[in-house]
Amino acid sequence: MADAPPPSSIPPRGAQRPNSEGFRRFIERAPDSGAGRVLLGSASIVAAGFILSRMLGLVRSVVIARAFGTDPELAAFWVASRLPDLVFQLLAGATLSAAFIPTFSRVLLRGGEDAAWRLASSALNIIATATLVLAALAFALAPTLVPLLAPGLGEATGQQEELRALAVHLTRLMLISPLFFGASGMVTGILNARHHFLAPALAPVCYNLGIIAGAVFLADSHGVDGLAWGVAGGAAAHLLVQVPALRSSGMRWTPSFDLFSDGVQEVLRLMGPRVLGLAASQLNFLAAMFFASFVSDEAISALNYAFLMMMMPVGVVGMAISTAVFPTLAQHGASQDTSALRVAVSKSLRQILFLAVPASAGLIILATPTVRVLLERGAFDAESTRLVVAALGLYALGIAAHSGIEILSRGFYAVADTRTPVAIAVTAMLLNLALSAALVAPFGLRGLAAAASITAFVEFGLLLWVLSTRLGGLERRALTRTVGSTLAATAALSLIMVGALMALSLAGVSDTSMLGSFVHIAVAGVLGLVAFGVAGYLANRDDLRMVARQ
């Protein structure tokens, strides 16, 4: 018989598990050790964190809109934010969900606690160092790279050179943020792998608070530089709020790199395809900004506002549920329990669709009054509202698809397959580029938002098909029933909401004022939710109970 592998190595999946008792004790020391209680408590914490973060994200959009509206200088800020975000996403973002958590689970299961912490230390040190190097390169190359991101920036107003210089300056200032995010993203992965969710859930809240502080306290005196400093301060807070939880989790950090250990090699192997997938995702953002720059400077900001508003329900529903369940999926994958993995993915997907589909319909119907209530004040005027609504309605069509992609991608990561979702993401990216190029000229912002939603549904469909085949099905009958009943309940919600809006208009309550818009949202929203609840109970009460229990 072959010699036993060293503690840091990962044996073949069929190998014996000599450290299963250590793994059991390790998990029992995690909060809420019972599987059901872990998932329920984790989902609640993550959902609460996402809701609070997304609410603060809306507040962030409100204060930014009040201070800058859709001014060309703000367009320079959005352009500048892309390069720092790319630096973070390609390293820490690629490592967190796709590579680190599944590998950590397997090393812990087969190599023991000491090996798992050595892997965590090495991964943290490597990603932080690589982020520093990449940020330095981006800093040096910013004058060359930034103008390529939005060639039309400032062209319509004759401010091209001025706005390009501002975008380069802001890019260099915000390149501080990935230095913090590189470490913070890995800390989030470590804590999630240990079923610690509170501090990671608070981290985005602190990040948003930093940006809000920059907009409120620094914008008047420093302009968009204040926003950039807010981004950097928020990134620092994102890391610092997680440090106490990291210590309490029992992590034993060492200044090791162990680049050639089996665990680190496994992370790098899984990370490679994910880098390509995130690059494809980032290219979608870059393509939207690239084409929007030829529409107008204001269009860049309008597209960003609309995207951020669309992402609120995606975050609260798709990201929250998927983040909470992923460590459990990773454990099922590590123990090769395909049946449990299939059930967990299917149940999570059904929950996501049950919530995301009506959210999509509601946001489409209430797009105009919602934008007016949230954003129309200060420098953000009626024309800004018109621009944002033009994109938001079509962006909102893709909420269910974007939310579903979150859990389906994690289904692949749980079985250590990063290649398939990456191949699908690259395919979707190419489709998005083609659709954006074809639709921007005739439809402007609407064309770019439509391209994004169409692409999201194609990506969702491909992921669902392939993952279902891989896992031997995803409880097709239950999933079909959920989709059918949800669509029926959403139709009832839509009819009631549209009817309520028409009745309010006939009664003389217009949505052209702030108060009228608020009345439209309150009345139509409440009646729509009641209609959805009643119709959902009649069509499929099991799904309603399933979501209510979570």
Protein backbone atom coordinates (compact mmCIF):
# COMPACT_ATOMS: atom_id res chain seq x y z
CA MET A 1 0.00 0.00 0.00
CA ALA A 2 1.24 3.49 -0.81
CA ASP A 3 2.57 5.68 1.93
CA ALA A 4 0.05 7.99 3.58
CA PRO A 5 0.07 11.47 2.05
CA PRO A 6 1.53 14.37 3.98
CA PRO A 7 -1.00 16.48 5.93
CA SER A 8 -0.98 19.29 3.38
CA SER A 9 -1.80 17.08 0.43
CA ILE A 10 -5.17 16.19 -1.07
CA PRO A 11 -5.63 12.47 -1.71
CA PRO A 12 -7.78 11.19 -4.56
CA ARG A 13 -11.49 11.57 -3.95
CA GLY A 14 -11.98 7.90 -3.26
CA ALA A 15 -9.21 7.78 -0.65
CA GLN A 16 -9.80 6.88 2.96
CA ARG A 17 -10.49 9.73 5.37
CA PRO A 18 -8.03 9.27 8.23
CA ASN A 19 -8.93 12.59 9.83
CA SER A 20 -12.73 12.40 9.72
CA GLU A 21 -12.90 12.55 13.54
CA GLY A 22 -10.83 15.74 13.55
CA PHE A 23 -13.07 17.12 10.86
CA ARG A 24 -16.13 16.31 12.98
CA ARG A 25 -14.68 18.08 16.02
CA PHE A 26 -13.67 21.06 13.88
CA ILE A 27 -17.20 21.44 12.50
CA GLU A 28 -18.74 20.98 15.93
CA ARG A 29 -16.78 23.97 17.16
CA ALA A 30 -18.35 26.09 14.42
CA PRO A 31 -21.47 28.05 15.38
CA ASP A 32 -24.74 26.07 15.26
CA SER A 33 -23.23 22.69 14.49
CA GLY A 34 -26.51 21.01 13.50
CA ALA A 35 -26.78 21.02 9.70
CA GLY A 36 -30.29 22.44 9.62
CA ARG A 37 -29.54 25.05 12.26
CA VAL A 38 -26.29 26.00 10.51
CA LEU A 39 -28.05 26.61 7.20
CA LEU A 40 -31.02 28.41 8.72
CA GLY A 41 -28.90 30.59 11.00
CA SER A 42 -26.34 31.24 8.27
CA ALA A 43 -28.99 32.14 5.71
CA SER A 44 -30.61 34.52 8.19
CA ILE A 45 -27.33 36.25 9.00
CA VAL A 46 -26.22 36.48 5.38
CA ALA A 47 -29.65 37.64 4.22
CA ALA A 48 -29.77 40.30 6.94
CA GLY A 49 -26.28 41.45 6.00
CA PHE A 50 -27.15 41.58 2.31
CA ILE A 51 -30.39 43.45 3.00
CA LEU A 52 -28.60 45.99 5.17
CA SER A 53 -25.77 46.29 2.67
CA ARG A 54 -28.16 46.72 -0.25
CA MET A 55 -30.19 49.28 1.69
CA LEU A 56 -27.01 51.20 2.36
CA GLY A 57 -26.15 50.70 -1.31
CA LEU A 58 -29.37 52.53 -2.13
CA VAL A 59 -28.48 55.24 0.40
CA ARG A 60 -25.08 55.44 -1.28
CA SER A 61 -26.75 55.90 -4.67
CA VAL A 62 -29.07 58.52 -3.18
CA VAL A 63 -26.28 60.63 -1.71
CA ILE A 64 -24.16 60.29 -4.85
CA ALA A 65 -27.14 61.25 -7.02
CA ARG A 66 -27.91 64.23 -4.82
CA ALA A 67 -24.34 65.49 -5.01
CA PHE A 68 -23.52 64.74 -8.65
CA GLY A 69 -26.66 63.66 -10.53
CA THR A 70 -25.42 62.38 -13.89
CA ASP A 71 -22.67 65.00 -14.27
CA PRO A 72 -19.73 64.19 -16.57
CA GLU A 73 -17.33 64.20 -13.59
CA LEU A 74 -19.28 61.33 -12.08
CA ALA A 75 -18.93 59.46 -15.36
CA ALA A 76 -15.15 59.79 -14.94
CA PHE A 77 -15.52 58.28 -11.45
CA TRP A 78 -17.43 55.25 -12.79
CA VAL A 79 -14.82 54.75 -15.49
CA ALA A 80 -12.04 55.02 -12.92
CA SER A 81 -13.62 52.42 -10.64
CA ARG A 82 -13.38 49.68 -13.24
CA LEU A 83 -9.62 49.06 -13.15
CA PRO A 84 -9.33 48.75 -9.33
CA ASP A 85 -12.35 46.45 -9.32
CA LEU A 86 -10.76 44.33 -12.04
CA VAL A 87 -7.57 43.96 -9.98
CA PHE A 88 -9.54 42.67 -7.00
CA GLN A 89 -11.92 40.42 -8.91
CA LEU A 90 -9.24 38.63 -10.90
CA LEU A 91 -7.38 37.58 -7.75
CA ALA A 92 -9.33 37.51 -4.48
CA GLY A 93 -12.66 37.27 -6.28
CA ALA A 94 -11.48 34.30 -8.29
CA THR A 95 -10.12 32.57 -5.20
CA LEU A 96 -12.99 33.07 -2.75
CA SER A 97 -15.92 31.01 -3.97
CA ALA A 98 -14.54 28.88 -6.76
CA ALA A 99 -11.25 27.72 -5.36
CA PHE A 100 -10.59 28.31 -1.69
CA ILE A 101 -13.74 27.13 0.13
CA PRO A 102 -14.02 23.74 -1.66
CA THR A 103 -10.27 23.12 -1.29
CA PHE A 104 -10.31 24.16 2.37
CA SER A 105 -13.17 21.71 3.00
CA ARG A 106 -11.30 18.85 1.31
CA VAL A 107 -7.99 19.58 3.08
CA LEU A 108 -9.80 19.78 6.42
CA LEU A 109 -11.67 16.54 5.74
CA ARG A 110 -8.62 14.59 4.58
CA GLY A 111 -5.61 16.36 6.07
CA GLY A 112 -6.82 17.75 9.38
CA GLU A 113 -7.07 21.13 11.03
CA ASP A 114 -3.36 22.03 10.94
CA ALA A 115 -3.16 21.41 7.20
CA ALA A 116 -6.29 23.49 6.64
CA TRP A 117 -4.84 26.48 8.49
CA ARG A 118 -1.54 26.19 6.61
CA LEU A 119 -3.50 26.31 3.38
CA ALA A 120 -5.46 29.35 4.59
CA SER A 121 -2.27 31.20 5.54
CA SER A 122 -0.53 30.43 2.27
CA ALA A 123 -3.54 31.40 0.16
CA LEU A 124 -3.97 34.67 2.07
CA ASN A 125 -0.29 35.58 1.73
CA ILE A 126 -0.09 34.70 -1.96
CA ILE A 127 -3.25 36.59 -2.95
CA ALA A 128 -2.31 39.68 -0.92
CA THR A 129 1.15 39.78 -2.51
CA ALA A 130 -0.17 39.20 -6.03
CA THR A 131 -2.76 41.95 -5.55
CA LEU A 132 -0.05 44.40 -4.52
CA VAL A 133 1.99 43.59 -7.65
CA LEU A 134 -1.00 43.84 -9.98
CA ALA A 135 -2.15 47.12 -8.39
CA ALA A 136 1.32 48.58 -8.90
CA LEU A 137 1.24 47.60 -12.58
CA ALA A 138 -2.22 49.11 -12.96
CA PHE A 139 -1.00 52.33 -11.33
CA ALA A 140 1.87 52.60 -13.80
CA LEU A 141 -0.25 51.76 -16.85
CA ALA A 142 -3.33 53.81 -15.91
CA PRO A 143 -2.69 56.63 -18.42
CA THR A 144 -2.69 54.05 -21.21
CA LEU A 145 -5.46 51.74 -20.02
CA VAL A 146 -8.10 54.11 -18.65
CA PRO A 147 -8.81 56.02 -21.91
CA LEU A 148 -9.43 52.68 -23.63
CA LEU A 149 -12.27 51.86 -21.24
CA ALA A 150 -14.55 54.68 -22.41
CA PRO A 151 -13.26 56.25 -25.62
CA GLY A 152 -16.29 58.50 -25.93
CA LEU A 153 -15.90 60.04 -22.46
CA GLY A 154 -16.16 63.85 -22.75
CA GLU A 155 -16.34 63.79 -26.53
CA ALA A 156 -19.83 65.29 -26.82
CA THR A 157 -19.04 68.20 -24.48
CA GLY A 158 -15.48 68.89 -25.63
CA GLN A 159 -14.05 67.83 -22.24
CA GLN A 160 -12.29 64.71 -23.43
CA GLU A 161 -8.79 65.53 -22.22
CA GLU A 162 -10.00 66.96 -18.91
CA LEU A 163 -12.22 64.00 -18.08
CA ARG A 164 -9.62 61.46 -19.17
CA ALA A 165 -7.05 63.06 -16.88
CA LEU A 166 -9.56 63.05 -14.05
CA ALA A 167 -10.37 59.37 -14.65
CA VAL A 168 -6.65 58.45 -14.54
CA HIS A 169 -6.18 60.43 -11.33
CA LEU A 170 -9.20 58.77 -9.68
CA THR A 171 -8.08 55.33 -10.84
CA ARG A 172 -4.72 55.73 -9.17
CA LEU A 173 -6.35 56.98 -6.00
CA MET A 174 -8.79 54.07 -5.83
CA LEU A 175 -6.08 51.48 -6.51
CA ILE A 176 -5.55 51.63 -2.76
CA SER A 177 -8.80 49.71 -2.34
CA PRO A 178 -7.81 46.36 -3.93
CA LEU A 179 -4.87 46.17 -1.53
CA PHE A 180 -7.36 45.94 1.31
CA PHE A 181 -9.86 43.89 -0.67
CA GLY A 182 -7.21 41.34 -1.66
CA ALA A 183 -6.68 40.42 1.98
CA SER A 184 -10.29 41.00 2.99
CA GLY A 185 -11.68 38.74 0.27
CA MET A 186 -9.53 35.87 1.50
CA VAL A 187 -10.54 36.53 5.10
CA THR A 188 -14.17 36.33 3.99
CA GLY A 189 -13.48 32.96 2.37
CA ILE A 190 -11.77 31.63 5.49
CA LEU A 191 -14.62 32.74 7.75
CA ASN A 192 -17.31 31.39 5.42
CA ALA A 193 -15.50 28.05 5.25
CA ARG A 194 -15.66 27.99 9.06
CA HIS A 195 -19.38 28.88 8.98
CA HIS A 196 -18.73 32.34 10.40
CA PHE A 197 -21.04 34.70 8.52
CA LEU A 198 -21.67 37.73 10.74
CA ALA A 199 -18.42 39.63 10.17
CA PRO A 200 -18.34 38.90 6.39
CA ALA A 201 -21.96 40.10 6.25
CA LEU A 202 -21.00 43.34 8.00
CA ALA A 203 -17.99 43.98 5.75
CA PRO A 204 -19.98 45.26 2.72
CA VAL A 205 -22.01 47.39 5.13
CA CYS A 206 -18.81 49.09 6.32
CA TYR A 207 -17.68 49.51 2.70
CA ASN A 208 -20.91 51.28 1.79
CA LEU A 209 -20.67 53.45 4.89
CA GLY A 210 -17.21 54.56 3.77
CA ILE A 211 -18.50 55.65 0.36
CA ILE A 212 -21.52 57.37 1.93
CA ALA A 213 -19.20 59.26 4.27
CA GLY A 214 -17.09 60.35 1.30
CA ALA A 215 -20.16 61.60 -0.58
CA VAL A 216 -21.66 63.39 2.42
CA PHE A 217 -18.60 64.91 4.06
CA LEU A 218 -16.01 65.23 1.28
CA ALA A 219 -17.93 65.80 -1.95
CA ASP A 220 -18.56 69.51 -1.38
CA SER A 221 -14.93 70.29 -0.67
CA HIS A 222 -13.14 67.68 -2.80
CA GLY A 223 -15.64 66.82 -5.55
CA VAL A 224 -15.37 63.28 -6.93
CA ASP A 225 -12.03 62.92 -5.12
CA GLY A 226 -14.15 62.68 -1.96
CA LEU A 227 -15.95 59.67 -3.41
CA ALA A 228 -12.62 58.04 -4.28
CA TRP A 229 -11.33 58.54 -0.74
CA GLY A 230 -14.59 57.09 0.53
CA VAL A 231 -13.99 53.97 -1.59
CA ALA A 232 -10.49 53.57 -0.14
CA GLY A 233 -11.69 54.11 3.44
CA GLY A 234 -14.59 51.70 2.94
CA ALA A 235 -12.22 49.03 1.62
CA ALA A 236 -10.05 49.38 4.73
CA ALA A 237 -13.14 49.04 6.94
CA HIS A 238 -14.17 45.96 4.92
CA LEU A 239 -10.99 44.24 6.12
CA LEU A 240 -10.76 45.58 9.66
CA VAL A 241 -14.28 44.56 10.69
CA GLN A 242 -13.44 40.92 9.93
CA VAL A 243 -10.12 40.69 11.78
CA PRO A 244 -11.62 40.02 15.27
CA ALA A 245 -13.79 37.21 13.85
CA LEU A 246 -10.74 35.72 12.14
CA ARG A 247 -8.95 35.53 15.47
CA SER A 248 -11.95 33.99 17.21
CA SER A 249 -12.30 31.38 14.45
CA GLY A 250 -9.07 29.83 15.64
CA MET A 251 -6.96 30.61 12.58
CA ARG A 252 -3.26 30.20 13.14
CA TRP A 253 -1.61 32.51 10.61
CA THR A 254 1.93 31.78 9.50
CA PRO A 255 4.12 33.78 7.07
CA SER A 256 4.19 30.84 4.68
CA PHE A 257 3.58 30.62 0.96
CA ASP A 258 3.82 26.85 0.34
CA LEU A 259 3.37 27.58 -3.35
CA PHE A 260 4.08 23.98 -4.37
CA SER A 261 2.00 22.23 -1.72
CA ASP A 262 -0.91 20.14 -2.99
CA GLY A 263 -3.47 22.38 -1.29
CA VAL A 264 -2.18 25.62 -2.80
CA GLN A 265 -1.73 23.95 -6.17
CA GLU A 266 -5.35 22.82 -6.00
CA VAL A 267 -6.46 26.40 -5.24
CA LEU A 268 -4.42 27.72 -8.15
CA ARG A 269 -5.73 25.01 -10.45
CA LEU A 270 -9.34 25.82 -9.60
CA MET A 271 -8.64 29.53 -9.63
CA GLY A 272 -7.23 29.56 -13.18
CA PRO A 273 -10.48 28.96 -15.04
CA ARG A 274 -12.34 31.19 -12.58
CA VAL A 275 -10.01 34.07 -13.46
CA LEU A 276 -11.13 33.69 -17.05
CA GLY A 277 -14.78 33.59 -15.95
CA LEU A 278 -14.47 36.73 -13.87
CA ALA A 279 -12.56 38.39 -16.68
CA ALA A 280 -15.52 37.60 -18.93
CA SER A 281 -17.89 39.06 -16.32
CA GLN A 282 -15.77 42.20 -16.01
CA LEU A 283 -15.67 42.51 -19.78
CA ASN A 284 -19.46 42.69 -19.69
CA PHE A 285 -19.22 45.72 -17.40
CA LEU A 286 -16.47 47.24 -19.52
CA ALA A 287 -18.47 46.66 -22.71
CA ALA A 288 -21.53 48.39 -21.24
CA MET A 289 -19.44 51.41 -20.23
CA PHE A 290 -17.54 51.39 -23.53
CA PHE A 291 -20.71 51.54 -25.62
CA ALA A 292 -22.51 53.89 -23.19
CA SER A 293 -19.67 56.41 -23.57
CA PHE A 294 -20.71 56.86 -27.21
CA VAL A 295 -24.31 57.56 -26.16
CA SER A 296 -23.41 60.37 -23.74
CA ASP A 297 -21.42 61.06 -20.57
CA GLU A 298 -24.70 61.06 -18.65
CA ALA A 299 -25.51 57.60 -20.02
CA ILE A 300 -22.51 56.10 -18.22
CA SER A 301 -23.83 57.25 -14.85
CA ALA A 302 -27.43 56.34 -15.69
CA LEU A 303 -26.39 52.80 -16.61
CA ASN A 304 -24.49 52.42 -13.34
CA TYR A 305 -27.42 53.69 -11.26
CA ALA A 306 -29.80 51.29 -13.03
CA PHE A 307 -27.44 48.35 -12.60
CA LEU A 308 -26.98 49.04 -8.88
CA MET A 309 -30.74 49.22 -8.36
CA MET A 310 -31.25 45.95 -10.24
CA MET A 311 -28.55 44.29 -8.13
CA MET A 312 -30.34 45.01 -4.86
CA PRO A 313 -32.89 42.18 -5.24
CA VAL A 314 -30.19 39.98 -6.79
CA GLY A 315 -28.07 40.51 -3.69
CA VAL A 316 -30.85 40.08 -1.17
CA VAL A 317 -32.20 36.94 -2.86
CA GLY A 318 -29.63 35.25 -5.09
CA MET A 319 -26.36 36.17 -3.41
CA ALA A 320 -27.62 35.83 0.17
CA ILE A 321 -29.06 32.35 -0.25
CA SER A 322 -26.17 31.14 -2.41
CA THR A 323 -23.48 32.47 -0.07
CA ALA A 324 -25.11 30.93 2.98
CA VAL A 325 -25.57 27.49 1.41
CA PHE A 326 -22.23 27.27 -0.39
CA PRO A 327 -20.09 25.90 2.49
CA THR A 328 -22.70 23.14 2.86
CA LEU A 329 -22.54 22.44 -0.87
CA ALA A 330 -18.75 22.32 -0.64
CA GLN A 331 -18.94 19.76 2.17
CA HIS A 332 -21.35 17.60 0.15
CA GLY A 333 -18.95 17.85 -2.79
CA ALA A 334 -15.93 17.00 -0.67
CA SER A 335 -17.65 13.89 0.72
CA GLN A 336 -18.97 12.98 -2.77
CA ASP A 337 -22.57 12.98 -1.53
CA THR A 338 -24.16 13.71 -4.91
CA SER A 339 -27.70 13.08 -3.69
CA ALA A 340 -27.42 15.63 -0.87
CA LEU A 341 -25.74 18.11 -3.20
CA ARG A 342 -28.52 17.72 -5.78
CA VAL A 343 -31.25 18.29 -3.19
CA ALA A 344 -29.49 21.32 -1.69
CA VAL A 345 -28.94 23.01 -5.06
CA SER A 346 -32.49 22.30 -6.21
CA LYS A 347 -34.09 23.58 -3.01
CA SER A 348 -31.96 26.74 -3.03
CA LEU A 349 -32.76 27.40 -6.69
CA ARG A 350 -36.47 27.01 -6.05
CA GLN A 351 -36.30 29.46 -3.16
CA ILE A 352 -34.39 31.95 -5.27
CA LEU A 353 -36.80 31.79 -8.21
CA PHE A 354 -39.84 32.03 -5.94
CA LEU A 355 -38.53 35.37 -4.63
CA ALA A 356 -36.68 36.75 -7.65
CA VAL A 357 -39.42 36.45 -10.29
CA PRO A 358 -41.95 38.67 -8.46
CA ALA A 359 -39.16 41.09 -7.52
CA SER A 360 -38.38 41.45 -11.22
CA ALA A 361 -42.01 42.16 -12.12
CA GLY A 362 -42.46 44.62 -9.26
CA LEU A 363 -39.37 46.62 -10.14
CA ILE A 364 -40.36 46.82 -13.82
CA ILE A 365 -43.86 48.08 -12.98
CA LEU A 366 -42.65 50.59 -10.37
CA ALA A 367 -39.42 51.66 -12.10
CA THR A 368 -40.35 55.33 -12.60
CA PRO A 369 -41.77 56.12 -9.14
CA THR A 370 -38.97 54.12 -7.50
CA VAL A 371 -36.21 56.07 -9.25
CA ARG A 372 -38.00 59.34 -8.53
CA VAL A 373 -38.41 58.63 -4.81
CA LEU A 374 -34.92 57.29 -4.31
CA LEU A 375 -32.78 59.50 -6.52
CA GLU A 376 -34.54 62.58 -7.87
CA ARG A 377 -33.19 65.38 -5.69
CA GLY A 378 -30.31 67.83 -5.75
CA ALA A 379 -28.27 67.47 -8.95
CA PHE A 380 -30.35 64.47 -10.04
CA ASP A 381 -33.19 65.96 -12.11
CA ALA A 382 -36.15 64.67 -14.16
CA GLU A 383 -33.93 64.02 -17.19
CA SER A 384 -31.65 61.89 -15.03
CA THR A 385 -34.71 59.93 -13.91
CA ARG A 386 -35.72 59.36 -17.51
CA LEU A 387 -32.29 58.02 -18.41
CA VAL A 388 -32.11 55.64 -15.46
CA VAL A 389 -35.64 54.30 -15.98
CA ALA A 390 -34.85 53.63 -19.64
CA ALA A 391 -32.21 51.13 -18.54
CA LEU A 392 -33.74 49.89 -15.29
CA GLY A 393 -36.89 48.36 -16.75
CA LEU A 394 -34.90 46.13 -19.09
CA TYR A 395 -32.18 45.37 -16.55
CA ALA A 396 -34.89 44.22 -14.12
CA LEU A 397 -36.05 41.57 -16.60
CA GLY A 398 -32.88 39.64 -15.81
CA ILE A 399 -33.16 39.61 -11.99
CA ALA A 400 -34.30 35.97 -11.82
CA ALA A 401 -31.57 34.84 -14.23
CA HIS A 402 -28.80 36.75 -12.43
CA SER A 403 -30.01 35.35 -9.08
CA GLY A 404 -30.19 31.79 -10.40
CA ILE A 405 -26.69 31.99 -11.85
CA GLU A 406 -25.35 32.57 -8.32
CA ILE A 407 -26.49 29.18 -7.00
CA LEU A 408 -25.91 27.18 -10.19
CA SER A 409 -22.31 28.38 -10.45
CA ARG A 410 -21.69 27.35 -6.85
CA GLY A 411 -23.10 23.92 -7.66
CA PHE A 412 -20.20 23.45 -10.08
CA TYR A 413 -17.64 24.90 -7.66
CA ALA A 414 -18.78 22.45 -4.99
CA VAL A 415 -17.61 19.55 -7.17
CA ALA A 416 -14.35 21.35 -8.01
CA ASP A 417 -15.46 22.15 -11.57
CA THR A 418 -14.58 25.71 -12.49
CA ARG A 419 -14.08 25.03 -16.17
CA THR A 420 -17.72 24.51 -17.11
CA PRO A 421 -19.15 27.73 -15.63
CA VAL A 422 -16.20 29.63 -17.07
CA ALA A 423 -16.81 28.25 -20.57
CA ILE A 424 -20.46 29.21 -20.27
CA ALA A 425 -19.57 32.67 -18.92
CA VAL A 426 -17.20 33.29 -21.83
CA THR A 427 -19.92 32.22 -24.27
CA ALA A 428 -22.35 34.61 -22.58
CA MET A 429 -19.78 37.40 -22.68
CA LEU A 430 -19.31 37.01 -26.42
CA LEU A 431 -23.08 37.06 -26.90
CA ASN A 432 -23.33 40.20 -24.77
CA LEU A 433 -20.67 41.96 -26.81
CA ALA A 434 -22.45 41.10 -30.06
CA LEU A 435 -25.86 42.15 -28.76
CA SER A 436 -24.53 45.38 -27.24
CA ALA A 437 -22.84 46.36 -30.49
CA ALA A 438 -26.02 45.57 -32.45
CA LEU A 439 -28.52 47.23 -30.10
CA VAL A 440 -26.76 50.37 -28.84
CA ALA A 441 -27.16 52.38 -32.05
CA PRO A 442 -30.92 51.90 -32.52
CA PHE A 443 -31.93 51.70 -28.84
CA GLY A 444 -29.23 53.47 -26.80
CA LEU A 445 -29.29 52.60 -23.07
CA ARG A 446 -32.29 50.32 -23.55
CA GLY A 447 -30.31 48.25 -26.00
CA LEU A 448 -27.40 47.80 -23.59
CA ALA A 449 -29.70 46.80 -20.71
CA ALA A 450 -31.63 44.41 -22.96
CA ALA A 451 -28.38 42.79 -24.10
CA ALA A 452 -27.39 42.18 -20.48
CA SER A 453 -30.73 40.56 -19.58
CA ILE A 454 -30.84 38.36 -22.68
CA THR A 455 -27.30 37.21 -21.96
CA ALA A 456 -28.15 36.44 -18.33
CA PHE A 457 -31.04 34.17 -19.36
CA VAL A 458 -28.85 32.33 -21.86
CA GLU A 459 -26.13 31.81 -19.24
CA PHE A 460 -28.71 30.66 -16.67
CA GLY A 461 -30.25 28.19 -19.10
CA LEU A 462 -26.91 26.67 -20.06
CA LEU A 463 -25.79 26.34 -16.42
CA LEU A 464 -29.09 24.72 -15.46
CA TRP A 465 -28.94 22.22 -18.29
CA VAL A 466 -25.34 21.14 -17.76
CA LEU A 467 -25.50 21.01 -13.94
CA SER A 468 -28.73 19.01 -14.06
CA THR A 469 -27.04 16.50 -16.34
CA ARG A 470 -23.94 16.39 -14.11
CA LEU A 471 -25.90 15.73 -10.90
CA GLY A 472 -28.41 13.34 -12.40
CA GLY A 473 -31.26 15.85 -12.35
CA LEU A 474 -32.29 18.73 -10.12
CA GLU A 475 -35.64 17.41 -8.88
CA ARG A 476 -37.25 18.41 -12.15
CA ARG A 477 -40.84 17.86 -11.07
CA ALA A 478 -40.52 20.07 -7.98
CA LEU A 479 -38.59 22.71 -9.94
CA THR A 480 -41.18 22.75 -12.73
CA ARG A 481 -43.96 23.11 -10.20
CA THR A 482 -42.17 26.00 -8.50
CA VAL A 483 -41.63 27.83 -11.78
CA GLY A 484 -45.23 27.36 -12.88
CA SER A 485 -46.79 28.44 -9.58
CA THR A 486 -44.40 31.37 -9.26
CA LEU A 487 -45.24 32.63 -12.75
CA ALA A 488 -48.94 32.31 -11.98
CA ALA A 489 -48.60 34.19 -8.70
CA THR A 490 -46.45 36.83 -10.39
CA ALA A 491 -49.11 37.31 -13.07
CA ALA A 492 -51.63 37.99 -10.29
CA LEU A 493 -49.20 40.43 -8.66
CA SER A 494 -48.67 42.25 -11.98
CA LEU A 495 -52.38 42.56 -12.77
CA ILE A 496 -53.17 43.93 -9.32
CA MET A 497 -50.26 46.38 -9.36
CA VAL A 498 -51.05 47.71 -12.85
CA GLY A 499 -54.71 48.00 -11.91
CA ALA A 500 -53.83 49.88 -8.75
CA LEU A 501 -51.61 52.32 -10.66
CA MET A 502 -54.36 52.94 -13.20
CA ALA A 503 -56.88 53.56 -10.41
CA LEU A 504 -54.54 56.00 -8.69
CA SER A 505 -54.00 57.90 -11.96
CA LEU A 506 -57.78 58.09 -12.56
CA ALA A 507 -58.16 59.41 -9.01
CA GLY A 508 -55.73 62.23 -9.83
CA VAL A 509 -52.72 60.88 -7.94
CA SER A 510 -49.86 61.42 -10.35
CA ASP A 511 -46.39 59.91 -10.03
CA THR A 512 -44.72 63.07 -11.32
CA SER A 513 -44.28 64.38 -7.76
CA MET A 514 -42.30 62.85 -4.91
CA LEU A 515 -45.40 62.33 -2.77
CA GLY A 516 -47.42 60.90 -5.65
CA SER A 517 -44.61 58.48 -6.51
CA PHE A 518 -44.42 57.31 -2.91
CA VAL A 519 -48.20 56.70 -2.84
CA HIS A 520 -47.93 54.71 -6.08
CA ILE A 521 -45.17 52.52 -4.62
CA ALA A 522 -46.92 51.99 -1.29
CA VAL A 523 -50.40 51.21 -2.60
CA ALA A 524 -49.42 49.13 -5.63
CA GLY A 525 -46.60 47.39 -3.76
CA VAL A 526 -48.70 46.30 -0.78
CA LEU A 527 -51.61 45.14 -2.95
CA GLY A 528 -49.21 43.30 -5.24
CA LEU A 529 -47.56 41.47 -2.34
CA VAL A 530 -50.93 40.43 -0.96
CA ALA A 531 -52.00 39.18 -4.39
CA PHE A 532 -48.76 37.24 -4.77
CA GLY A 533 -49.09 35.68 -1.32
CA VAL A 534 -52.68 34.58 -1.89
CA ALA A 535 -52.02 33.29 -5.42
CA GLY A 536 -48.80 31.58 -4.32
CA TYR A 537 -50.60 29.82 -1.47
CA LEU A 538 -53.36 28.61 -3.77
CA ALA A 539 -50.97 27.52 -6.53
CA ASN A 540 -48.21 25.91 -4.44
CA ARG A 541 -48.44 26.36 -0.70
CA ASP A 542 -45.42 24.08 -0.15
CA ASP A 543 -43.10 26.61 -1.80
CA LEU A 544 -44.59 29.46 0.20
CA ARG A 545 -44.02 27.54 3.41
CA MET A 546 -40.50 26.56 2.32
CA VAL A 547 -39.53 30.21 1.82
CA ALA A 548 -41.36 31.37 4.96
CA ARG A 549 -39.40 28.88 7.09
CA GLN A 550 -36.12 30.35 5.87
